[in-house]
Amino acid sequence: MNFHSILLQPIISLLAGILILVQPALLNYIVAIYLIIVGVLGLAPHFLQ
């Protein structure tokens, strides 16, 4: 399967939102991981050229 960052970001956001609702103590970790993933996906095309 070929996932693009356009498709991956909403899926990650949805999963993060569900996890935050279930366990609010995870908020800091989920936000940090989300930001790292979005940053890596945003920079990946520039490094893969």
PDB file of N, CA and C in Angstrom:
ATOM      1  N   MET A   1       0.831  -1.178   0.000  1.00  0.00           N
ATOM      2  CA  MET A   1       0.000   0.000   0.000  1.00  0.00           C
ATOM      3  C   MET A   1       0.876   1.243   0.000  1.00  0.00           C
ATOM      4  N   ASN A   2       0.424   2.229  -0.705  1.00  0.00           N
ATOM      5  CA  ASN A   2       1.194   3.459  -0.796  1.00  0.00           C
ATOM      6  C   ASN A   2       0.430   4.579  -0.083  1.00  0.00           C
ATOM      7  N   PHE A   3       0.892   4.945   1.117  1.00  0.00           N
ATOM      8  CA  PHE A   3       0.248   6.008   1.873  1.00  0.00           C
ATOM      9  C   PHE A   3       0.964   7.321   1.630  1.00  0.00           C
ATOM     10  N   HIS A   4       0.203   8.344   1.367  1.00  0.00           N
ATOM     11  CA  HIS A   4       0.766   9.682   1.216  1.00  0.00           C
ATOM     12  C   HIS A   4       0.550  10.439   2.513  1.00  0.00           C
ATOM     13  N   SER A   5       1.348  11.473   2.739  1.00  0.00           N
ATOM     14  CA  SER A   5       1.207  12.236   3.970  1.00  0.00           C
ATOM     15  C   SER A   5      -0.149  12.927   4.047  1.00  0.00           C
ATOM     16  N   ILE A   6      -0.760  13.201   2.897  1.00  0.00           N
ATOM     17  CA  ILE A   6      -2.087  13.829   2.892  1.00  0.00           C
ATOM     18  C   ILE A   6      -3.111  12.890   3.504  1.00  0.00           C
ATOM     19  N   LEU A   7      -2.993  11.597   3.262  1.00  0.00           N
ATOM     20  CA  LEU A   7      -3.904  10.608   3.816  1.00  0.00           C
ATOM     21  C   LEU A   7      -3.508  10.240   5.239  1.00  0.00           C
ATOM     22  N   LEU A   8      -2.239  10.262   5.525  1.00  0.00           N
ATOM     23  CA  LEU A   8      -1.748   9.801   6.823  1.00  0.00           C
ATOM     24  C   LEU A   8      -2.040  10.794   7.947  1.00  0.00           C
ATOM     25  N   GLN A   9      -1.978  12.074   7.691  1.00  0.00           N
ATOM     26  CA  GLN A   9      -2.190  13.079   8.733  1.00  0.00           C
ATOM     27  C   GLN A   9      -3.581  13.015   9.359  1.00  0.00           C
ATOM     28  N   PRO A  10      -4.662  12.897   8.581  1.00  0.00           N
ATOM     29  CA  PRO A  10      -5.978  12.799   9.230  1.00  0.00           C
ATOM     30  C   PRO A  10      -6.150  11.521  10.038  1.00  0.00           C
ATOM     31  N   ILE A  11      -5.552  10.435   9.586  1.00  0.00           N
ATOM     32  CA  ILE A  11      -5.642   9.168  10.323  1.00  0.00           C
ATOM     33  C   ILE A  11      -4.916   9.286  11.656  1.00  0.00           C
ATOM     34  N   ILE A  12      -3.736   9.877  11.644  1.00  0.00           N
ATOM     35  CA  ILE A  12      -2.980  10.073  12.879  1.00  0.00           C
ATOM     36  C   ILE A  12      -3.731  11.007  13.815  1.00  0.00           C
ATOM     37  N   SER A  13      -4.322  12.059  13.268  1.00  0.00           N
ATOM     38  CA  SER A  13      -5.084  13.002  14.092  1.00  0.00           C
ATOM     39  C   SER A  13      -6.282  12.319  14.750  1.00  0.00           C
ATOM     40  N   LEU A  14      -6.972  11.497  13.996  1.00  0.00           N
ATOM     41  CA  LEU A  14      -8.126  10.780  14.524  1.00  0.00           C
ATOM     42  C   LEU A  14      -7.721   9.832  15.644  1.00  0.00           C
ATOM     43  N   LEU A  15      -6.668   9.069  15.431  1.00  0.00           N
ATOM     44  CA  LEU A  15      -6.187   8.150  16.472  1.00  0.00           C
ATOM     45  C   LEU A  15      -5.717   8.903  17.710  1.00  0.00           C
ATOM     46  N   ALA A  16      -5.027  10.011  17.506  1.00  0.00           N
ATOM     47  CA  ALA A  16      -4.561  10.813  18.642  1.00  0.00           C
ATOM     48  C   ALA A  16      -5.735  11.365  19.427  1.00  0.00           C
ATOM     49  N   GLY A  17      -6.754  11.849  18.732  1.00  0.00           N
ATOM     50  CA  GLY A  17      -7.933  12.369  19.414  1.00  0.00           C
ATOM     51  C   GLY A  17      -8.648  11.320  20.236  1.00  0.00           C
ATOM     52  N   ILE A  18      -8.766  10.128  19.683  1.00  0.00           N
ATOM     53  CA  ILE A  18      -9.409   9.030  20.415  1.00  0.00           C
ATOM     54  C   ILE A  18      -8.597   8.661  21.651  1.00  0.00           C
ATOM     55  N   LEU A  19      -7.287   8.568  21.506  1.00  0.00           N
ATOM     56  CA  LEU A  19      -6.439   8.228  22.649  1.00  0.00           C
ATOM     57  C   LEU A  19      -6.501   9.293  23.733  1.00  0.00           C
ATOM     58  N   ILE A  20      -6.569  10.562  23.335  1.00  0.00           N
ATOM     59  CA  ILE A  20      -6.661  11.642  24.323  1.00  0.00           C
ATOM     60  C   ILE A  20      -7.986  11.569  25.065  1.00  0.00           C
ATOM     61  N   LEU A  21      -9.054  11.242  24.353  1.00  0.00           N
ATOM     62  CA  LEU A  21     -10.351  11.097  25.019  1.00  0.00           C
ATOM     63  C   LEU A  21     -10.352   9.938  26.011  1.00  0.00           C
ATOM     64  N   VAL A  22      -9.709   8.843  25.647  1.00  0.00           N
ATOM     65  CA  VAL A  22      -9.683   7.660  26.506  1.00  0.00           C
ATOM     66  C   VAL A  22      -8.751   7.873  27.691  1.00  0.00           C
ATOM     67  N   GLN A  23      -7.601   8.446  27.449  1.00  0.00           N
ATOM     68  CA  GLN A  23      -6.597   8.618  28.504  1.00  0.00           C
ATOM     69  C   GLN A  23      -5.992  10.017  28.402  1.00  0.00           C
ATOM     70  N   PRO A  24      -6.581  11.007  29.062  1.00  0.00           N
ATOM     71  CA  PRO A  24      -6.101  12.395  28.949  1.00  0.00           C
ATOM     72  C   PRO A  24      -4.651  12.589  29.412  1.00  0.00           C
ATOM     73  N   ALA A  25      -4.136  11.717  30.240  1.00  0.00           N
ATOM     74  CA  ALA A  25      -2.755  11.870  30.711  1.00  0.00           C
ATOM     75  C   ALA A  25      -1.745  11.685  29.577  1.00  0.00           C
ATOM     76  N   LEU A  26      -2.171  11.097  28.476  1.00  0.00           N
ATOM     77  CA  LEU A  26      -1.264  10.867  27.343  1.00  0.00           C
ATOM     78  C   LEU A  26      -1.131  12.082  26.430  1.00  0.00           C
ATOM     79  N   LEU A  27      -1.826  13.164  26.755  1.00  0.00           N
ATOM     80  CA  LEU A  27      -1.880  14.318  25.857  1.00  0.00           C
ATOM     81  C   LEU A  27      -0.494  14.820  25.447  1.00  0.00           C
ATOM     82  N   ASN A  28       0.394  15.006  26.399  1.00  0.00           N
ATOM     83  CA  ASN A  28       1.733  15.537  26.071  1.00  0.00           C
ATOM     84  C   ASN A  28       2.494  14.622  25.125  1.00  0.00           C
ATOM     85  N   TYR A  29       2.434  13.325  25.382  1.00  0.00           N
ATOM     86  CA  TYR A  29       3.158  12.373  24.540  1.00  0.00           C
ATOM     87  C   TYR A  29       2.548  12.290  23.144  1.00  0.00           C
ATOM     88  N   ILE A  30       1.228  12.277  23.080  1.00  0.00           N
ATOM     89  CA  ILE A  30       0.570  12.168  21.782  1.00  0.00           C
ATOM     90  C   ILE A  30       0.852  13.402  20.932  1.00  0.00           C
ATOM     91  N   VAL A  31       0.796  14.576  21.527  1.00  0.00           N
ATOM     92  CA  VAL A  31       1.073  15.803  20.770  1.00  0.00           C
ATOM     93  C   VAL A  31       2.525  15.815  20.305  1.00  0.00           C
ATOM     94  N   ALA A  32       3.438  15.432  21.157  1.00  0.00           N
ATOM     95  CA  ALA A  32       4.852  15.420  20.781  1.00  0.00           C
ATOM     96  C   ALA A  32       5.111  14.428  19.648  1.00  0.00           C
ATOM     97  N   ILE A  33       4.554  13.238  19.751  1.00  0.00           N
ATOM     98  CA  ILE A  33       4.754  12.223  18.706  1.00  0.00           C
ATOM     99  C   ILE A  33       4.117  12.677  17.394  1.00  0.00           C
ATOM    100  N   TYR A  34       2.920  13.267  17.486  1.00  0.00           N
ATOM    101  CA  TYR A  34       2.241  13.763  16.287  1.00  0.00           C
ATOM    102  C   TYR A  34       3.079  14.827  15.585  1.00  0.00           C
ATOM    103  N   LEU A  35       3.604  15.768  16.346  1.00  0.00           N
ATOM    104  CA  LEU A  35       4.406  16.830  15.745  1.00  0.00           C
ATOM    105  C   LEU A  35       5.682  16.284  15.107  1.00  0.00           C
ATOM    106  N   ILE A  36       6.295  15.302  15.729  1.00  0.00           N
ATOM    107  CA  ILE A  36       7.496  14.686  15.151  1.00  0.00           C
ATOM    108  C   ILE A  36       7.156  13.976  13.846  1.00  0.00           C
ATOM    109  N   ILE A  37       6.051  13.222  13.828  1.00  0.00           N
ATOM    110  CA  ILE A  37       5.664  12.496  12.620  1.00  0.00           C
ATOM    111  C   ILE A  37       5.333  13.459  11.486  1.00  0.00           C
ATOM    112  N   VAL A  38       4.568  14.506  11.787  1.00  0.00           N
ATOM    113  CA  VAL A  38       4.203  15.482  10.757  1.00  0.00           C
ATOM    114  C   VAL A  38       5.458  16.186  10.237  1.00  0.00           C
ATOM    115  N   GLY A  39       6.380  16.503  11.113  1.00  0.00           N
ATOM    116  CA  GLY A  39       7.623  17.142  10.692  1.00  0.00           C
ATOM    117  C   GLY A  39       8.457  16.251   9.793  1.00  0.00           C
ATOM    118  N   VAL A  40       8.578  14.981  10.161  1.00  0.00           N
ATOM    119  CA  VAL A  40       9.350  14.032   9.354  1.00  0.00           C
ATOM    120  C   VAL A  40       8.687  13.830   7.996  1.00  0.00           C
ATOM    121  N   LEU A  41       7.359  13.675   7.987  1.00  0.00           N
ATOM    122  CA  LEU A  41       6.655  13.497   6.714  1.00  0.00           C
ATOM    123  C   LEU A  41       6.758  14.741   5.839  1.00  0.00           C
ATOM    124  N   GLY A  42       6.784  15.901   6.454  1.00  0.00           N
ATOM    125  CA  GLY A  42       6.920  17.131   5.689  1.00  0.00           C
ATOM    126  C   GLY A  42       8.299  17.309   5.090  1.00  0.00           C
ATOM    127  N   LEU A  43       9.313  16.833   5.780  1.00  0.00           N
ATOM    128  CA  LEU A  43      10.683  16.975   5.303  1.00  0.00           C
ATOM    129  C   LEU A  43      11.137  15.821   4.414  1.00  0.00           C
ATOM    130  N   ALA A  44      10.496  14.687   4.493  1.00  0.00           N
ATOM    131  CA  ALA A  44      10.917  13.489   3.766  1.00  0.00           C
ATOM    132  C   ALA A  44      11.057  13.720   2.255  1.00  0.00           C
ATOM    133  N   PRO A  45      10.102  14.363   1.585  1.00  0.00           N
ATOM    134  CA  PRO A  45      10.271  14.554   0.127  1.00  0.00           C
ATOM    135  C   PRO A  45      11.519  15.356  -0.233  1.00  0.00           C
ATOM    136  N   HIS A  46      11.943  16.260   0.638  1.00  0.00           N
ATOM    137  CA  HIS A  46      13.129  17.061   0.344  1.00  0.00           C
ATOM    138  C   HIS A  46      14.399  16.244   0.485  1.00  0.00           C
ATOM    139  N   PHE A  47      14.402  15.265   1.391  1.00  0.00           N
ATOM    140  CA  PHE A  47      15.582  14.442   1.584  1.00  0.00           C
ATOM    141  C   PHE A  47      15.649  13.273   0.618  1.00  0.00           C
ATOM    142  N   LEU A  48      14.530  12.878   0.041  1.00  0.00           N
ATOM    143  CA  LEU A  48      14.491  11.709  -0.844  1.00  0.00           C
ATOM    144  C   LEU A  48      14.718  12.068  -2.307  1.00  0.00           C
ATOM    145  N   GLN A  49      14.900  13.336  -2.616  1.00  0.00           N
ATOM    146  CA  GLN A  49      15.117  13.728  -4.017  1.00  0.00           C
ATOM    147  C   GLN A  49      16.513  13.469  -4.464  1.00  0.00           C
TER     148      GLN A  49
END
